[in-house]
Amino acid sequence: MTETVNSDQSLETVIDLLKQTYDEFKYIEIEIKVKGKARTNKQNAALHKWLSMLSVFLNDAGYDMKKTLSHHMEIPWDKQGHNAKELLFKPVLEALTGKESTAKADRVQYSEVREVLARHFADREGLIIPEWPRAD
């Protein structure tokens, strides 16, 4: 059985379940896996807003996917940031954390990925990419 505890309410539910299970069997083994704090919905929205900003910025600066990723044809970045997420953000996230999904990254890891990308574009291309937006 796997239970996720991420709120006071879910904690109480799991405590009740443990008590019931112990009362019935009088013997249980428990394995606890501590996860970093998951990103909030606001942070997720900020990630996608930033990826969109990055895509527009790269297009405006003349850095299409061919120039940035060494593809063989000129492909502009999509304004929604899907290309930036799949081709820039996720590979850096996986290299830094081993996590393939932005949903599995914790709050701090988003900023770490942004810093790696900012450093890359500044050092290699002389570009100052957008700052992280405020999550309103």
N, C-alpha and C. Protein backbone atom coordinates (compact mmCIF):
# COMPACT_ATOMS: atom_id res chain seq x y z
N MET A 1 0.84 -1.16 0.00
CA MET A 1 0.00 0.00 0.00
C MET A 1 0.90 1.24 0.00
N THR A 2 0.56 2.20 -0.83
CA THR A 2 1.29 3.46 -0.88
C THR A 2 0.32 4.60 -0.62
N GLU A 3 0.66 5.45 0.29
CA GLU A 3 -0.15 6.62 0.61
C GLU A 3 0.74 7.85 0.51
N THR A 4 0.16 8.93 0.04
CA THR A 4 0.88 10.19 -0.04
C THR A 4 0.34 11.12 1.03
N VAL A 5 1.26 11.71 1.78
CA VAL A 5 0.89 12.67 2.81
C VAL A 5 1.44 14.02 2.39
N ASN A 6 0.52 14.94 2.06
CA ASN A 6 0.96 16.27 1.63
C ASN A 6 0.08 17.37 2.20
N SER A 7 -0.68 17.01 3.24
CA SER A 7 -1.50 18.00 3.93
C SER A 7 -1.82 17.47 5.32
N ASP A 8 -2.29 18.34 6.18
CA ASP A 8 -2.69 17.89 7.53
C ASP A 8 -3.81 16.87 7.45
N GLN A 9 -4.73 17.08 6.52
CA GLN A 9 -5.85 16.16 6.37
C GLN A 9 -5.39 14.78 5.91
N SER A 10 -4.50 14.72 4.91
CA SER A 10 -4.02 13.42 4.44
C SER A 10 -3.17 12.74 5.52
N LEU A 11 -2.47 13.53 6.34
CA LEU A 11 -1.71 12.96 7.46
C LEU A 11 -2.65 12.28 8.44
N GLU A 12 -3.73 12.95 8.80
CA GLU A 12 -4.70 12.36 9.72
C GLU A 12 -5.31 11.09 9.15
N THR A 13 -5.60 11.09 7.85
CA THR A 13 -6.17 9.91 7.19
C THR A 13 -5.21 8.73 7.28
N VAL A 14 -3.93 8.98 7.04
CA VAL A 14 -2.94 7.90 7.09
C VAL A 14 -2.74 7.42 8.53
N ILE A 15 -2.74 8.32 9.47
CA ILE A 15 -2.63 7.92 10.89
C ILE A 15 -3.79 7.01 11.28
N ASP A 16 -5.00 7.39 10.87
CA ASP A 16 -6.17 6.55 11.15
C ASP A 16 -6.04 5.18 10.49
N LEU A 17 -5.57 5.16 9.25
CA LEU A 17 -5.38 3.89 8.55
C LEU A 17 -4.35 3.01 9.25
N LEU A 18 -3.25 3.63 9.69
CA LEU A 18 -2.22 2.88 10.42
C LEU A 18 -2.78 2.29 11.72
N LYS A 19 -3.54 3.08 12.44
CA LYS A 19 -4.13 2.60 13.69
C LYS A 19 -5.08 1.43 13.43
N GLN A 20 -5.92 1.55 12.42
CA GLN A 20 -6.87 0.48 12.08
C GLN A 20 -6.12 -0.80 11.69
N THR A 21 -5.10 -0.63 10.85
CA THR A 21 -4.33 -1.79 10.38
C THR A 21 -3.59 -2.44 11.54
N TYR A 22 -3.00 -1.65 12.41
CA TYR A 22 -2.30 -2.19 13.57
C TYR A 22 -3.28 -2.90 14.51
N ASP A 23 -4.44 -2.28 14.76
CA ASP A 23 -5.44 -2.90 15.63
C ASP A 23 -5.87 -4.27 15.09
N GLU A 24 -5.96 -4.40 13.78
CA GLU A 24 -6.39 -5.66 13.18
C GLU A 24 -5.29 -6.72 13.17
N PHE A 25 -4.05 -6.33 12.82
CA PHE A 25 -2.99 -7.32 12.62
C PHE A 25 -1.93 -7.33 13.71
N LYS A 26 -1.82 -6.27 14.48
CA LYS A 26 -0.84 -6.13 15.58
C LYS A 26 0.61 -6.20 15.10
N TYR A 27 0.82 -6.11 13.82
CA TYR A 27 2.18 -6.12 13.28
C TYR A 27 2.13 -5.50 11.88
N ILE A 28 2.89 -4.43 11.69
CA ILE A 28 3.01 -3.81 10.38
C ILE A 28 4.43 -3.30 10.20
N GLU A 29 4.87 -3.23 8.97
CA GLU A 29 6.15 -2.59 8.65
C GLU A 29 5.83 -1.36 7.83
N ILE A 30 6.54 -0.29 8.12
CA ILE A 30 6.28 0.98 7.44
C ILE A 30 7.57 1.47 6.81
N GLU A 31 7.49 1.83 5.54
CA GLU A 31 8.62 2.45 4.84
C GLU A 31 8.20 3.87 4.48
N ILE A 32 9.01 4.84 4.86
CA ILE A 32 8.69 6.24 4.59
C ILE A 32 9.70 6.79 3.59
N LYS A 33 9.21 7.40 2.54
CA LYS A 33 10.05 8.06 1.55
C LYS A 33 9.77 9.55 1.63
N VAL A 34 10.77 10.30 1.98
CA VAL A 34 10.62 11.74 2.09
C VAL A 34 10.90 12.36 0.72
N LYS A 35 9.97 13.14 0.25
CA LYS A 35 10.11 13.80 -1.05
C LYS A 35 10.30 15.29 -0.80
N GLY A 36 10.97 15.96 -1.73
CA GLY A 36 11.05 17.41 -1.64
C GLY A 36 9.66 17.99 -1.82
N LYS A 37 9.49 19.19 -1.38
CA LYS A 37 8.19 19.82 -1.54
C LYS A 37 7.86 19.94 -3.02
N ALA A 38 6.69 19.47 -3.38
CA ALA A 38 6.24 19.55 -4.76
C ALA A 38 6.00 21.01 -5.13
N ARG A 39 6.09 21.28 -6.42
CA ARG A 39 5.82 22.65 -6.83
C ARG A 39 4.34 22.92 -6.69
N THR A 40 4.02 24.16 -6.45
CA THR A 40 2.63 24.56 -6.30
C THR A 40 2.02 24.82 -7.67
N ASN A 41 0.72 24.95 -7.73
CA ASN A 41 0.07 25.29 -8.99
C ASN A 41 0.56 26.64 -9.52
N LYS A 42 0.81 27.58 -8.61
CA LYS A 42 1.35 28.88 -9.03
C LYS A 42 2.74 28.72 -9.63
N GLN A 43 3.56 27.86 -9.02
CA GLN A 43 4.90 27.64 -9.56
C GLN A 43 4.83 26.97 -10.93
N ASN A 44 3.91 26.04 -11.09
CA ASN A 44 3.74 25.39 -12.38
C ASN A 44 3.31 26.41 -13.43
N ALA A 45 2.39 27.29 -13.07
CA ALA A 45 1.96 28.34 -13.99
C ALA A 45 3.12 29.26 -14.33
N ALA A 46 3.95 29.58 -13.33
CA ALA A 46 5.11 30.44 -13.56
C ALA A 46 6.11 29.76 -14.49
N LEU A 47 6.30 28.43 -14.33
CA LEU A 47 7.20 27.70 -15.23
C LEU A 47 6.74 27.84 -16.66
N HIS A 48 5.47 27.61 -16.91
CA HIS A 48 4.97 27.66 -18.29
C HIS A 48 4.97 29.08 -18.84
N LYS A 49 4.72 30.06 -17.99
CA LYS A 49 4.81 31.45 -18.43
C LYS A 49 6.25 31.78 -18.81
N TRP A 50 7.20 31.34 -17.97
CA TRP A 50 8.61 31.62 -18.25
C TRP A 50 9.06 30.93 -19.54
N LEU A 51 8.63 29.68 -19.74
CA LEU A 51 9.01 28.97 -20.96
C LEU A 51 8.47 29.68 -22.20
N SER A 52 7.27 30.22 -22.10
CA SER A 52 6.71 31.01 -23.19
C SER A 52 7.53 32.28 -23.41
N MET A 53 7.89 32.96 -22.32
CA MET A 53 8.72 34.17 -22.42
C MET A 53 10.07 33.84 -23.05
N LEU A 54 10.67 32.71 -22.65
CA LEU A 54 11.96 32.30 -23.20
C LEU A 54 11.85 32.04 -24.69
N SER A 55 10.78 31.37 -25.11
CA SER A 55 10.60 31.07 -26.52
C SER A 55 10.47 32.33 -27.36
N VAL A 56 9.65 33.27 -26.91
CA VAL A 56 9.49 34.53 -27.62
C VAL A 56 10.82 35.29 -27.64
N PHE A 57 11.51 35.30 -26.51
CA PHE A 57 12.80 35.98 -26.43
C PHE A 57 13.80 35.40 -27.43
N LEU A 58 13.91 34.07 -27.48
CA LEU A 58 14.86 33.43 -28.40
C LEU A 58 14.50 33.73 -29.84
N ASN A 59 13.22 33.68 -30.18
CA ASN A 59 12.81 34.02 -31.55
C ASN A 59 13.16 35.47 -31.87
N ASP A 60 12.85 36.38 -30.97
CA ASP A 60 13.12 37.80 -31.21
C ASP A 60 14.62 38.08 -31.33
N ALA A 61 15.43 37.29 -30.64
CA ALA A 61 16.88 37.48 -30.69
C ALA A 61 17.50 36.77 -31.91
N GLY A 62 16.67 36.10 -32.71
CA GLY A 62 17.17 35.41 -33.89
C GLY A 62 17.74 34.03 -33.61
N TYR A 63 17.41 33.45 -32.48
CA TYR A 63 17.91 32.13 -32.12
C TYR A 63 16.81 31.10 -32.29
N ASP A 64 16.63 30.64 -33.54
CA ASP A 64 15.66 29.59 -33.77
C ASP A 64 16.24 28.26 -33.28
N MET A 65 15.48 27.18 -33.40
CA MET A 65 15.95 25.90 -32.88
C MET A 65 17.17 25.39 -33.64
N LYS A 66 17.28 25.70 -34.92
CA LYS A 66 18.46 25.27 -35.68
C LYS A 66 19.72 25.89 -35.07
N LYS A 67 19.68 27.18 -34.81
CA LYS A 67 20.85 27.87 -34.27
C LYS A 67 21.14 27.43 -32.84
N THR A 68 20.08 27.21 -32.06
CA THR A 68 20.25 26.87 -30.65
C THR A 68 20.59 25.40 -30.45
N LEU A 69 19.97 24.53 -31.22
CA LEU A 69 20.10 23.08 -30.98
C LEU A 69 20.81 22.35 -32.11
N SER A 70 21.31 23.05 -33.11
CA SER A 70 22.02 22.45 -34.24
C SER A 70 21.16 21.51 -35.07
N HIS A 71 19.87 21.87 -35.23
CA HIS A 71 19.02 21.13 -36.16
C HIS A 71 19.41 21.51 -37.57
N HIS A 72 18.87 20.82 -38.54
CA HIS A 72 19.22 21.07 -39.93
C HIS A 72 18.27 22.02 -40.64
N MET A 73 17.21 22.43 -39.98
CA MET A 73 16.31 23.39 -40.60
C MET A 73 15.90 24.44 -39.58
N GLU A 74 15.52 25.60 -40.07
CA GLU A 74 15.13 26.68 -39.18
C GLU A 74 13.71 26.46 -38.69
N ILE A 75 13.55 26.30 -37.40
CA ILE A 75 12.25 26.08 -36.79
C ILE A 75 12.09 27.10 -35.67
N PRO A 76 11.11 27.99 -35.76
CA PRO A 76 10.95 28.95 -34.68
C PRO A 76 10.42 28.27 -33.41
N TRP A 77 10.73 28.85 -32.26
CA TRP A 77 10.21 28.34 -31.00
C TRP A 77 8.73 28.65 -30.94
N ASP A 78 7.93 27.73 -30.45
CA ASP A 78 6.50 28.00 -30.31
C ASP A 78 6.27 28.98 -29.17
N LYS A 79 5.30 29.84 -29.32
CA LYS A 79 5.06 30.90 -28.33
C LYS A 79 4.54 30.37 -27.01
N GLN A 80 3.99 29.16 -27.00
CA GLN A 80 3.48 28.59 -25.76
C GLN A 80 4.59 28.02 -24.88
N GLY A 81 5.77 27.81 -25.43
CA GLY A 81 6.90 27.31 -24.64
C GLY A 81 7.02 25.80 -24.61
N HIS A 82 6.21 25.08 -25.40
CA HIS A 82 6.30 23.61 -25.39
C HIS A 82 7.68 23.12 -25.86
N ASN A 83 8.19 23.73 -26.93
CA ASN A 83 9.52 23.33 -27.43
C ASN A 83 10.59 23.61 -26.39
N ALA A 84 10.51 24.78 -25.75
CA ALA A 84 11.50 25.15 -24.74
C ALA A 84 11.46 24.16 -23.57
N LYS A 85 10.27 23.74 -23.21
CA LYS A 85 10.14 22.79 -22.11
C LYS A 85 10.78 21.45 -22.47
N GLU A 86 10.42 20.93 -23.65
CA GLU A 86 10.89 19.61 -24.05
C GLU A 86 12.37 19.58 -24.45
N LEU A 87 12.84 20.64 -25.11
CA LEU A 87 14.19 20.61 -25.68
C LEU A 87 15.24 21.32 -24.85
N LEU A 88 14.82 22.19 -23.92
CA LEU A 88 15.78 22.91 -23.08
C LEU A 88 15.60 22.56 -21.60
N PHE A 89 14.41 22.83 -21.08
CA PHE A 89 14.19 22.71 -19.63
C PHE A 89 14.30 21.26 -19.15
N LYS A 90 13.57 20.35 -19.78
CA LYS A 90 13.56 18.95 -19.31
C LYS A 90 14.94 18.28 -19.40
N PRO A 91 15.70 18.45 -20.49
CA PRO A 91 17.03 17.82 -20.50
C PRO A 91 17.95 18.32 -19.38
N VAL A 92 17.87 19.62 -19.06
CA VAL A 92 18.69 20.15 -17.97
C VAL A 92 18.17 19.61 -16.64
N LEU A 93 16.85 19.58 -16.47
CA LEU A 93 16.26 19.03 -15.24
C LEU A 93 16.72 17.59 -15.02
N GLU A 94 16.65 16.78 -16.06
CA GLU A 94 17.06 15.38 -15.93
C GLU A 94 18.55 15.26 -15.63
N ALA A 95 19.37 16.08 -16.28
CA ALA A 95 20.81 16.04 -16.03
C ALA A 95 21.14 16.43 -14.59
N LEU A 96 20.43 17.42 -14.06
CA LEU A 96 20.69 17.88 -12.69
C LEU A 96 20.12 16.97 -11.62
N THR A 97 18.92 16.41 -11.88
CA THR A 97 18.19 15.73 -10.82
C THR A 97 17.86 14.27 -11.11
N GLY A 98 17.97 13.86 -12.36
CA GLY A 98 17.53 12.52 -12.73
C GLY A 98 16.03 12.42 -12.94
N LYS A 99 15.33 13.54 -12.79
CA LYS A 99 13.87 13.55 -12.95
C LYS A 99 13.52 13.92 -14.38
N GLU A 100 12.66 13.14 -15.00
CA GLU A 100 12.27 13.39 -16.39
C GLU A 100 11.07 14.30 -16.52
N SER A 101 10.33 14.51 -15.44
CA SER A 101 9.09 15.27 -15.49
C SER A 101 9.19 16.53 -14.65
N THR A 102 8.66 17.63 -15.17
CA THR A 102 8.63 18.86 -14.39
C THR A 102 7.69 18.71 -13.19
N ALA A 103 6.73 17.81 -13.28
CA ALA A 103 5.81 17.58 -12.16
C ALA A 103 6.52 16.93 -10.98
N LYS A 104 7.63 16.24 -11.23
CA LYS A 104 8.35 15.56 -10.16
C LYS A 104 9.45 16.41 -9.55
N ALA A 105 9.71 17.56 -10.16
CA ALA A 105 10.74 18.46 -9.63
C ALA A 105 10.20 19.19 -8.41
N ASP A 106 11.09 19.45 -7.46
CA ASP A 106 10.64 20.22 -6.30
C ASP A 106 10.83 21.71 -6.57
N ARG A 107 10.44 22.51 -5.62
CA ARG A 107 10.40 23.96 -5.80
C ARG A 107 11.76 24.57 -6.15
N VAL A 108 12.80 24.11 -5.51
CA VAL A 108 14.13 24.67 -5.71
C VAL A 108 14.69 24.29 -7.08
N GLN A 109 14.35 23.11 -7.56
CA GLN A 109 14.94 22.62 -8.80
C GLN A 109 14.53 23.44 -10.02
N TYR A 110 13.34 24.04 -10.01
CA TYR A 110 12.97 24.93 -11.12
C TYR A 110 13.98 26.07 -11.24
N SER A 111 14.30 26.68 -10.13
CA SER A 111 15.26 27.80 -10.15
C SER A 111 16.64 27.33 -10.56
N GLU A 112 17.04 26.15 -10.13
CA GLU A 112 18.35 25.62 -10.51
C GLU A 112 18.45 25.42 -12.02
N VAL A 113 17.39 24.91 -12.63
CA VAL A 113 17.39 24.70 -14.08
C VAL A 113 17.45 26.05 -14.79
N ARG A 114 16.67 27.02 -14.33
CA ARG A 114 16.69 28.34 -14.94
C ARG A 114 18.08 28.96 -14.87
N GLU A 115 18.76 28.78 -13.75
CA GLU A 115 20.11 29.33 -13.60
C GLU A 115 21.10 28.68 -14.56
N VAL A 116 21.00 27.37 -14.75
CA VAL A 116 21.88 26.68 -15.71
C VAL A 116 21.63 27.22 -17.12
N LEU A 117 20.36 27.35 -17.50
CA LEU A 117 20.04 27.87 -18.83
C LEU A 117 20.50 29.32 -18.97
N ALA A 118 20.29 30.13 -17.94
CA ALA A 118 20.73 31.53 -17.99
C ALA A 118 22.24 31.62 -18.17
N ARG A 119 22.97 30.81 -17.42
CA ARG A 119 24.43 30.81 -17.51
C ARG A 119 24.89 30.38 -18.90
N HIS A 120 24.24 29.35 -19.44
CA HIS A 120 24.60 28.86 -20.78
C HIS A 120 24.41 29.95 -21.83
N PHE A 121 23.22 30.55 -21.85
CA PHE A 121 22.95 31.55 -22.87
C PHE A 121 23.80 32.81 -22.69
N ALA A 122 24.09 33.17 -21.47
CA ALA A 122 24.94 34.35 -21.23
C ALA A 122 26.38 34.07 -21.65
N ASP A 123 26.92 32.94 -21.21
CA ASP A 123 28.32 32.62 -21.51
C ASP A 123 28.54 32.31 -22.98
N ARG A 124 27.66 31.53 -23.57
CA ARG A 124 27.88 31.02 -24.92
C ARG A 124 27.36 31.95 -26.01
N GLU A 125 26.24 32.61 -25.74
CA GLU A 125 25.61 33.41 -26.78
C GLU A 125 25.55 34.90 -26.45
N GLY A 126 25.89 35.27 -25.21
CA GLY A 126 25.80 36.66 -24.81
C GLY A 126 24.37 37.14 -24.61
N LEU A 127 23.45 36.20 -24.41
CA LEU A 127 22.04 36.54 -24.24
C LEU A 127 21.66 36.51 -22.76
N ILE A 128 20.90 37.48 -22.33
CA ILE A 128 20.37 37.50 -20.97
C ILE A 128 18.91 37.10 -21.08
N ILE A 129 18.60 35.86 -20.71
CA ILE A 129 17.25 35.34 -20.86
C ILE A 129 16.33 35.93 -19.78
N PRO A 130 15.01 35.83 -19.98
CA PRO A 130 14.08 36.44 -19.03
C PRO A 130 14.24 35.90 -17.62
N GLU A 131 13.98 36.79 -16.66
CA GLU A 131 13.93 36.38 -15.25
C GLU A 131 12.69 35.53 -15.04
N TRP A 132 12.67 34.82 -13.93
CA TRP A 132 11.50 34.02 -13.57
C TRP A 132 10.35 34.96 -13.28
N PRO A 133 9.15 34.70 -13.84
CA PRO A 133 8.03 35.60 -13.58
C PRO A 133 7.45 35.39 -12.19
N ARG A 134 6.76 36.38 -11.72
CA ARG A 134 6.02 36.23 -10.47
C ARG A 134 4.82 35.36 -10.72
N ALA A 135 4.53 34.47 -9.80
CA ALA A 135 3.35 33.62 -9.91
C ALA A 135 2.19 34.34 -9.24
N ASP A 136 1.33 34.94 -10.06
CA ASP A 136 0.20 35.70 -9.51
C ASP A 136 -1.04 34.86 -9.42
